[in-house]
């Protein structure tokens, strides 16, 4: 979470979000979702940019979209809220 919400270095935020989105597992996307739920507007912009960077690859979108679907039912409200944001970043793929 410290890397995803680094207030000193937005490149770290972007690169960490990108790497986790490329992994695309529910655990990886859950970290992004939690960060989104806690992020200020600037951090959220860099998180979104990192996710978009990952989605450029051929395998990024299905993993992230599927993870969002699972996280939409997470018991933690912050995860559900963050996953909804990440889902919107995947070009309209809904959780």
C-alpha atoms as a PDB file:
ATOM      1  CA  UNK A   1       0.000   0.000   0.000  1.00  0.00           C
ATOM      2  CA  UNK A   2       2.897   2.334   0.691  1.00  0.00           C
ATOM      3  CA  UNK A   3       4.062   2.091  -2.893  1.00  0.00           C
ATOM      4  CA  UNK A   4       0.566   2.574  -4.302  1.00  0.00           C
ATOM      5  CA  UNK A   5      -0.034   5.671  -2.185  1.00  0.00           C
ATOM      6  CA  UNK A   6       3.470   7.183  -2.298  1.00  0.00           C
ATOM      7  CA  UNK A   7       2.966  10.942  -1.895  1.00  0.00           C
ATOM      8  CA  UNK A   8       6.578  11.721  -2.775  1.00  0.00           C
ATOM      9  CA  UNK A   9       6.925   9.834  -6.064  1.00  0.00           C
ATOM     10  CA  UNK A  10       3.996   9.442  -8.453  1.00  0.00           C
ATOM     11  CA  UNK A  11       6.110   7.273 -10.745  1.00  0.00           C
ATOM     12  CA  UNK A  12       6.189   4.632  -8.012  1.00  0.00           C
ATOM     13  CA  UNK A  13       2.394   4.806  -7.703  1.00  0.00           C
ATOM     14  CA  UNK A  14       1.953   4.432 -11.461  1.00  0.00           C
ATOM     15  CA  UNK A  15       4.451   1.602 -11.870  1.00  0.00           C
ATOM     16  CA  UNK A  16       3.129  -0.363  -8.895  1.00  0.00           C
ATOM     17  CA  UNK A  17      -0.464  -0.073 -10.105  1.00  0.00           C
ATOM     18  CA  UNK A  18       0.644  -1.120 -13.576  1.00  0.00           C
ATOM     19  CA  UNK A  19       2.528  -4.157 -12.287  1.00  0.00           C
ATOM     20  CA  UNK A  20      -0.375  -5.287 -10.098  1.00  0.00           C
ATOM     21  CA  UNK A  21      -2.901  -4.785 -12.903  1.00  0.00           C
ATOM     22  CA  UNK A  22      -0.724  -6.854 -15.232  1.00  0.00           C
ATOM     23  CA  UNK A  23      -0.801  -9.671 -12.703  1.00  0.00           C
ATOM     24  CA  UNK A  24      -4.581  -9.301 -12.725  1.00  0.00           C
ATOM     25  CA  UNK A  25      -5.331 -11.696  -9.872  1.00  0.00           C
ATOM     26  CA  UNK A  26      -8.010 -10.841  -7.329  1.00  0.00           C
ATOM     27  CA  UNK A  27      -5.306 -10.353  -4.689  1.00  0.00           C
ATOM     28  CA  UNK A  28      -3.378  -7.910  -6.886  1.00  0.00           C
ATOM     29  CA  UNK A  29      -6.461  -5.964  -7.948  1.00  0.00           C
ATOM     30  CA  UNK A  30      -7.672  -5.926  -4.332  1.00  0.00           C
ATOM     31  CA  UNK A  31      -4.551  -3.947  -3.394  1.00  0.00           C
ATOM     32  CA  UNK A  32      -5.293  -1.434  -6.153  1.00  0.00           C
ATOM     33  CA  UNK A  33      -8.931  -1.219  -5.039  1.00  0.00           C
ATOM     34  CA  UNK A  34      -7.920  -0.541  -1.430  1.00  0.00           C
ATOM     35  CA  UNK A  35      -5.484   2.128  -2.586  1.00  0.00           C
ATOM     36  CA  UNK A  36      -8.163   3.774  -4.721  1.00  0.00           C
ATOM     37  CA  UNK A  37     -10.503   3.877  -1.735  1.00  0.00           C
ATOM     38  CA  UNK A  38      -7.853   5.764   0.285  1.00  0.00           C
ATOM     39  CA  UNK A  39      -6.307   7.875  -2.481  1.00  0.00           C
ATOM     40  CA  UNK A  40      -6.605  11.598  -2.912  1.00  0.00           C
ATOM     41  CA  UNK A  41      -7.489  12.899  -6.391  1.00  0.00           C
ATOM     42  CA  UNK A  42      -3.867  13.122  -7.546  1.00  0.00           C
ATOM     43  CA  UNK A  43      -3.017   9.618  -6.353  1.00  0.00           C
ATOM     44  CA  UNK A  44      -6.187   8.239  -7.940  1.00  0.00           C
ATOM     45  CA  UNK A  45      -5.176   9.786 -11.282  1.00  0.00           C
ATOM     46  CA  UNK A  46      -1.803   8.032 -11.139  1.00  0.00           C
ATOM     47  CA  UNK A  47      -3.384   4.749 -10.055  1.00  0.00           C
ATOM     48  CA  UNK A  48      -5.758   4.999 -13.029  1.00  0.00           C
ATOM     49  CA  UNK A  49      -2.851   5.768 -15.363  1.00  0.00           C
ATOM     50  CA  UNK A  50      -0.987   2.700 -14.139  1.00  0.00           C
ATOM     51  CA  UNK A  51      -4.030   0.490 -14.676  1.00  0.00           C
ATOM     52  CA  UNK A  52      -4.527   1.934 -18.159  1.00  0.00           C
ATOM     53  CA  UNK A  53      -0.859   1.278 -18.959  1.00  0.00           C
ATOM     54  CA  UNK A  54      -1.356  -2.380 -18.047  1.00  0.00           C
ATOM     55  CA  UNK A  55      -4.539  -2.669 -20.096  1.00  0.00           C
ATOM     56  CA  UNK A  56      -2.616  -1.787 -23.243  1.00  0.00           C
ATOM     57  CA  UNK A  57      -1.171  -5.325 -23.153  1.00  0.00           C
ATOM     58  CA  UNK A  58      -3.139  -8.190 -24.715  1.00  0.00           C
ATOM     59  CA  UNK A  59      -3.892  -9.998 -21.452  1.00  0.00           C
ATOM     60  CA  UNK A  60      -4.489  -7.117 -19.046  1.00  0.00           C
ATOM     61  CA  UNK A  61      -8.203  -6.477 -19.361  1.00  0.00           C
ATOM     62  CA  UNK A  62      -9.653  -9.959 -18.813  1.00  0.00           C
ATOM     63  CA  UNK A  63      -7.750 -10.511 -15.575  1.00  0.00           C
ATOM     64  CA  UNK A  64      -8.588  -7.110 -14.138  1.00  0.00           C
ATOM     65  CA  UNK A  65     -12.235  -7.295 -15.195  1.00  0.00           C
ATOM     66  CA  UNK A  66     -12.651 -10.785 -13.741  1.00  0.00           C
ATOM     67  CA  UNK A  67     -10.977  -9.715 -10.505  1.00  0.00           C
ATOM     68  CA  UNK A  68     -13.312  -6.709 -10.255  1.00  0.00           C
ATOM     69  CA  UNK A  69     -16.251  -9.065 -10.605  1.00  0.00           C
ATOM     70  CA  UNK A  70     -15.062 -11.112  -7.660  1.00  0.00           C
ATOM     71  CA  UNK A  71     -14.178  -8.067  -5.591  1.00  0.00           C
ATOM     72  CA  UNK A  72     -17.624  -6.558  -6.100  1.00  0.00           C
ATOM     73  CA  UNK A  73     -18.763  -9.131  -3.519  1.00  0.00           C
ATOM     74  CA  UNK A  74     -15.892  -8.572  -1.073  1.00  0.00           C
ATOM     75  CA  UNK A  75     -17.023  -8.219   2.553  1.00  0.00           C
ATOM     76  CA  UNK A  76     -14.979  -5.011   2.953  1.00  0.00           C
ATOM     77  CA  UNK A  77     -16.849  -1.939   1.705  1.00  0.00           C
ATOM     78  CA  UNK A  78     -13.647  -0.087   0.762  1.00  0.00           C
ATOM     79  CA  UNK A  79     -12.653  -2.954  -1.535  1.00  0.00           C
ATOM     80  CA  UNK A  80     -16.071  -2.967  -3.218  1.00  0.00           C
ATOM     81  CA  UNK A  81     -15.944   0.806  -3.693  1.00  0.00           C
ATOM     82  CA  UNK A  82     -12.387   0.733  -5.053  1.00  0.00           C
ATOM     83  CA  UNK A  83     -13.157  -2.191  -7.352  1.00  0.00           C
ATOM     84  CA  UNK A  84     -16.079  -0.239  -8.809  1.00  0.00           C
ATOM     85  CA  UNK A  85     -13.673   2.570  -9.711  1.00  0.00           C
ATOM     86  CA  UNK A  86     -11.155   0.168 -11.224  1.00  0.00           C
ATOM     87  CA  UNK A  87     -13.961  -1.447 -13.192  1.00  0.00           C
ATOM     88  CA  UNK A  88     -14.867   1.932 -14.689  1.00  0.00           C
ATOM     89  CA  UNK A  89     -11.252   2.302 -15.781  1.00  0.00           C
ATOM     90  CA  UNK A  90     -11.494  -0.899 -17.826  1.00  0.00           C
ATOM     91  CA  UNK A  91     -13.533   0.870 -20.522  1.00  0.00           C
ATOM     92  CA  UNK A  92     -16.968   0.099 -19.220  1.00  0.00           C
ATOM     93  CA  UNK A  93     -16.472  -3.535 -18.220  1.00  0.00           C
ATOM     94  CA  UNK A  94     -18.796  -3.807 -15.260  1.00  0.00           C
ATOM     95  CA  UNK A  95     -18.152  -5.672 -12.031  1.00  0.00           C
END
